[in-house]
Amino acid sequence: MPSSEDSFNAILDLVAHQLSKDLNHSFSAEPLLLSQELALYCEGLSKSGYSKIAQTLYKVDVSEDVLITEVQERTHESEAQLLARIILKRELQKVLFRLSHANMGLEEYINRILSP
């Protein structure tokens, strides 16, 4: 049975894979790097204007209502930090949902998803 740290790293690999797939951009599975890379990506989004933000939210399946709610509740975050958090949260939700419905162990699921 994998340790908690192994499971965390495996799930992080899946999240990085999902982000890369949805955003057509390469992301590291290293926790700190992933966070930094996504923040930089979102910084670029913020500078590109609202239509680019809306397109990206659509790609990761986040409604504009979620963005509006988050903006109202979290006034202390920059736009890029807010976008990064929303996107990361949604991608994690997708991964965890798929894992819970995969009818296989974490290791088997990871091998199926991440194998070329």
C-alpha atoms as a PDB file:
ATOM      1  CA  MET A   1       0.000   0.000   0.000  1.00  0.00           C
ATOM      2  CA  PRO A   2       1.423   3.393  -0.972  1.00  0.00           C
ATOM      3  CA  SER A   3       2.320   5.876   1.735  1.00  0.00           C
ATOM      4  CA  SER A   4       0.416   9.156   2.118  1.00  0.00           C
ATOM      5  CA  GLU A   5       3.328  10.999   0.550  1.00  0.00           C
ATOM      6  CA  ASP A   6       3.392   8.589  -2.403  1.00  0.00           C
ATOM      7  CA  SER A   7      -0.355   9.034  -2.879  1.00  0.00           C
ATOM      8  CA  PHE A   8      -0.009  12.825  -2.682  1.00  0.00           C
ATOM      9  CA  ASN A   9       2.761  12.790  -5.287  1.00  0.00           C
ATOM     10  CA  ALA A  10       0.765  10.465  -7.529  1.00  0.00           C
ATOM     11  CA  ILE A  11      -2.289  12.705  -7.353  1.00  0.00           C
ATOM     12  CA  LEU A  12      -0.100  15.738  -8.013  1.00  0.00           C
ATOM     13  CA  ASP A  13       1.247  13.990 -11.132  1.00  0.00           C
ATOM     14  CA  LEU A  14      -2.323  13.492 -12.301  1.00  0.00           C
ATOM     15  CA  VAL A  15      -3.224  17.125 -11.609  1.00  0.00           C
ATOM     16  CA  ALA A  16      -0.168  18.354 -13.533  1.00  0.00           C
ATOM     17  CA  HIS A  17      -1.107  16.012 -16.392  1.00  0.00           C
ATOM     18  CA  GLN A  18      -4.709  17.304 -16.391  1.00  0.00           C
ATOM     19  CA  LEU A  19      -3.529  20.931 -16.335  1.00  0.00           C
ATOM     20  CA  SER A  20      -1.138  20.301 -19.214  1.00  0.00           C
ATOM     21  CA  LYS A  21      -3.895  18.614 -21.204  1.00  0.00           C
ATOM     22  CA  ASP A  22      -6.562  21.260 -20.558  1.00  0.00           C
ATOM     23  CA  LEU A  23      -4.342  24.305 -20.983  1.00  0.00           C
ATOM     24  CA  ASN A  24      -2.030  22.916 -23.665  1.00  0.00           C
ATOM     25  CA  HIS A  25       0.943  23.994 -21.586  1.00  0.00           C
ATOM     26  CA  SER A  26       3.573  21.946 -19.766  1.00  0.00           C
ATOM     27  CA  PHE A  27       3.421  21.974 -15.954  1.00  0.00           C
ATOM     28  CA  SER A  28       5.734  20.349 -13.427  1.00  0.00           C
ATOM     29  CA  ALA A  29       4.412  17.835 -10.892  1.00  0.00           C
ATOM     30  CA  GLU A  30       6.761  19.285  -8.254  1.00  0.00           C
ATOM     31  CA  PRO A  31       4.441  21.102  -5.776  1.00  0.00           C
ATOM     32  CA  LEU A  32       6.309  24.403  -5.562  1.00  0.00           C
ATOM     33  CA  LEU A  33       7.124  24.492  -9.268  1.00  0.00           C
ATOM     34  CA  LEU A  34       3.557  23.647 -10.237  1.00  0.00           C
ATOM     35  CA  SER A  35       2.262  26.497  -8.122  1.00  0.00           C
ATOM     36  CA  GLN A  36       4.806  28.947  -9.541  1.00  0.00           C
ATOM     37  CA  GLU A  37       4.272  27.830 -13.140  1.00  0.00           C
ATOM     38  CA  LEU A  38       0.499  28.108 -12.838  1.00  0.00           C
ATOM     39  CA  ALA A  39       0.825  31.550 -11.214  1.00  0.00           C
ATOM     40  CA  LEU A  40       3.018  32.725 -14.113  1.00  0.00           C
ATOM     41  CA  TYR A  41       0.565  31.257 -16.607  1.00  0.00           C
ATOM     42  CA  CYS A  42      -2.293  33.099 -14.892  1.00  0.00           C
ATOM     43  CA  GLU A  43      -0.247  36.293 -14.776  1.00  0.00           C
ATOM     44  CA  GLY A  44      -0.090  36.121 -18.571  1.00  0.00           C
ATOM     45  CA  LEU A  45      -3.832  35.472 -18.694  1.00  0.00           C
ATOM     46  CA  SER A  46      -4.500  38.535 -16.570  1.00  0.00           C
ATOM     47  CA  LYS A  47      -2.513  40.681 -18.968  1.00  0.00           C
ATOM     48  CA  SER A  48      -4.306  39.208 -22.006  1.00  0.00           C
ATOM     49  CA  GLY A  49      -7.730  40.466 -21.059  1.00  0.00           C
ATOM     50  CA  TYR A  50     -11.065  39.058 -20.009  1.00  0.00           C
ATOM     51  CA  SER A  51     -11.857  37.096 -23.177  1.00  0.00           C
ATOM     52  CA  LYS A  52      -8.678  35.012 -22.738  1.00  0.00           C
ATOM     53  CA  ILE A  53      -9.567  34.426 -19.079  1.00  0.00           C
ATOM     54  CA  ALA A  54     -13.093  33.358 -20.058  1.00  0.00           C
ATOM     55  CA  GLN A  55     -11.728  30.947 -22.699  1.00  0.00           C
ATOM     56  CA  THR A  56      -9.374  29.393 -20.172  1.00  0.00           C
ATOM     57  CA  LEU A  57     -12.094  29.013 -17.560  1.00  0.00           C
ATOM     58  CA  TYR A  58     -14.222  27.290 -20.192  1.00  0.00           C
ATOM     59  CA  LYS A  59     -11.357  24.872 -20.998  1.00  0.00           C
ATOM     60  CA  VAL A  60     -11.035  23.813 -17.362  1.00  0.00           C
ATOM     61  CA  ASP A  61     -14.806  23.787 -16.820  1.00  0.00           C
ATOM     62  CA  VAL A  62     -15.144  26.703 -14.395  1.00  0.00           C
ATOM     63  CA  SER A  63     -18.220  28.892 -14.741  1.00  0.00           C
ATOM     64  CA  GLU A  64     -17.949  32.652 -14.776  1.00  0.00           C
ATOM     65  CA  ASP A  65     -20.296  32.637 -11.772  1.00  0.00           C
ATOM     66  CA  VAL A  66     -17.602  30.838  -9.774  1.00  0.00           C
ATOM     67  CA  LEU A  67     -15.093  33.496 -10.766  1.00  0.00           C
ATOM     68  CA  ILE A  68     -17.452  36.310  -9.780  1.00  0.00           C
ATOM     69  CA  THR A  69     -18.176  34.702  -6.407  1.00  0.00           C
ATOM     70  CA  GLU A  70     -14.490  34.135  -5.723  1.00  0.00           C
ATOM     71  CA  VAL A  71     -13.604  37.717  -6.673  1.00  0.00           C
ATOM     72  CA  GLN A  72     -16.209  39.042  -4.251  1.00  0.00           C
ATOM     73  CA  GLU A  73     -15.050  36.778  -1.413  1.00  0.00           C
ATOM     74  CA  ARG A  74     -11.291  37.058  -1.857  1.00  0.00           C
ATOM     75  CA  THR A  75     -10.419  40.681  -2.332  1.00  0.00           C
ATOM     76  CA  HIS A  76      -6.913  40.246  -0.864  1.00  0.00           C
ATOM     77  CA  GLU A  77      -5.606  38.095  -3.746  1.00  0.00           C
ATOM     78  CA  SER A  78      -4.270  39.341  -7.038  1.00  0.00           C
ATOM     79  CA  GLU A  79      -6.210  38.363 -10.140  1.00  0.00           C
ATOM     80  CA  ALA A  80      -3.463  35.921 -11.142  1.00  0.00           C
ATOM     81  CA  GLN A  81      -3.415  34.258  -7.686  1.00  0.00           C
ATOM     82  CA  LEU A  82      -7.183  33.971  -7.724  1.00  0.00           C
ATOM     83  CA  LEU A  83      -7.235  32.417 -11.195  1.00  0.00           C
ATOM     84  CA  ALA A  84      -4.465  29.983 -10.288  1.00  0.00           C
ATOM     85  CA  ARG A  85      -6.287  28.860  -7.157  1.00  0.00           C
ATOM     86  CA  ILE A  86      -9.611  28.435  -8.962  1.00  0.00           C
ATOM     87  CA  ILE A  87      -8.021  26.481 -11.816  1.00  0.00           C
ATOM     88  CA  LEU A  88      -5.974  24.262  -9.518  1.00  0.00           C
ATOM     89  CA  LYS A  89      -9.001  23.532  -7.343  1.00  0.00           C
ATOM     90  CA  ARG A  90     -11.090  22.526 -10.366  1.00  0.00           C
ATOM     91  CA  GLU A  91      -8.375  20.320 -11.833  1.00  0.00           C
ATOM     92  CA  LEU A  92      -7.940  18.577  -8.477  1.00  0.00           C
ATOM     93  CA  GLN A  93     -11.710  18.026  -8.300  1.00  0.00           C
ATOM     94  CA  LYS A  94     -11.626  16.381 -11.743  1.00  0.00           C
ATOM     95  CA  VAL A  95      -8.766  14.080 -10.776  1.00  0.00           C
ATOM     96  CA  LEU A  96     -10.344  13.057  -7.471  1.00  0.00           C
ATOM     97  CA  PHE A  97     -13.714  12.448  -9.119  1.00  0.00           C
ATOM     98  CA  ARG A  98     -12.152  10.211 -11.761  1.00  0.00           C
ATOM     99  CA  LEU A  99     -10.157   8.349  -9.127  1.00  0.00           C
ATOM    100  CA  SER A 100     -13.249   7.718  -7.040  1.00  0.00           C
ATOM    101  CA  HIS A 101     -15.094   6.302 -10.056  1.00  0.00           C
ATOM    102  CA  ALA A 102     -12.239   4.394 -11.697  1.00  0.00           C
ATOM    103  CA  ASN A 103     -12.959   1.028 -10.036  1.00  0.00           C
ATOM    104  CA  MET A 104      -9.235   0.374  -9.754  1.00  0.00           C
ATOM    105  CA  GLY A 105      -6.399   1.186  -7.409  1.00  0.00           C
ATOM    106  CA  LEU A 106      -4.498   4.446  -7.501  1.00  0.00           C
ATOM    107  CA  GLU A 107      -1.384   2.841  -8.960  1.00  0.00           C
ATOM    108  CA  GLU A 108      -3.282   1.083 -11.742  1.00  0.00           C
ATOM    109  CA  TYR A 109      -5.204   4.251 -12.563  1.00  0.00           C
ATOM    110  CA  ILE A 110      -2.024   6.332 -12.699  1.00  0.00           C
ATOM    111  CA  ASN A 111      -0.356   3.812 -14.994  1.00  0.00           C
ATOM    112  CA  ARG A 112      -3.371   3.878 -17.310  1.00  0.00           C
ATOM    113  CA  ILE A 113      -3.550   7.681 -17.462  1.00  0.00           C
ATOM    114  CA  LEU A 114       0.142   8.553 -17.573  1.00  0.00           C
ATOM    115  CA  SER A 115       1.338   5.760 -19.860  1.00  0.00           C
ATOM    116  CA  PRO A 116       2.181   6.889 -23.387  1.00  0.00           C
END
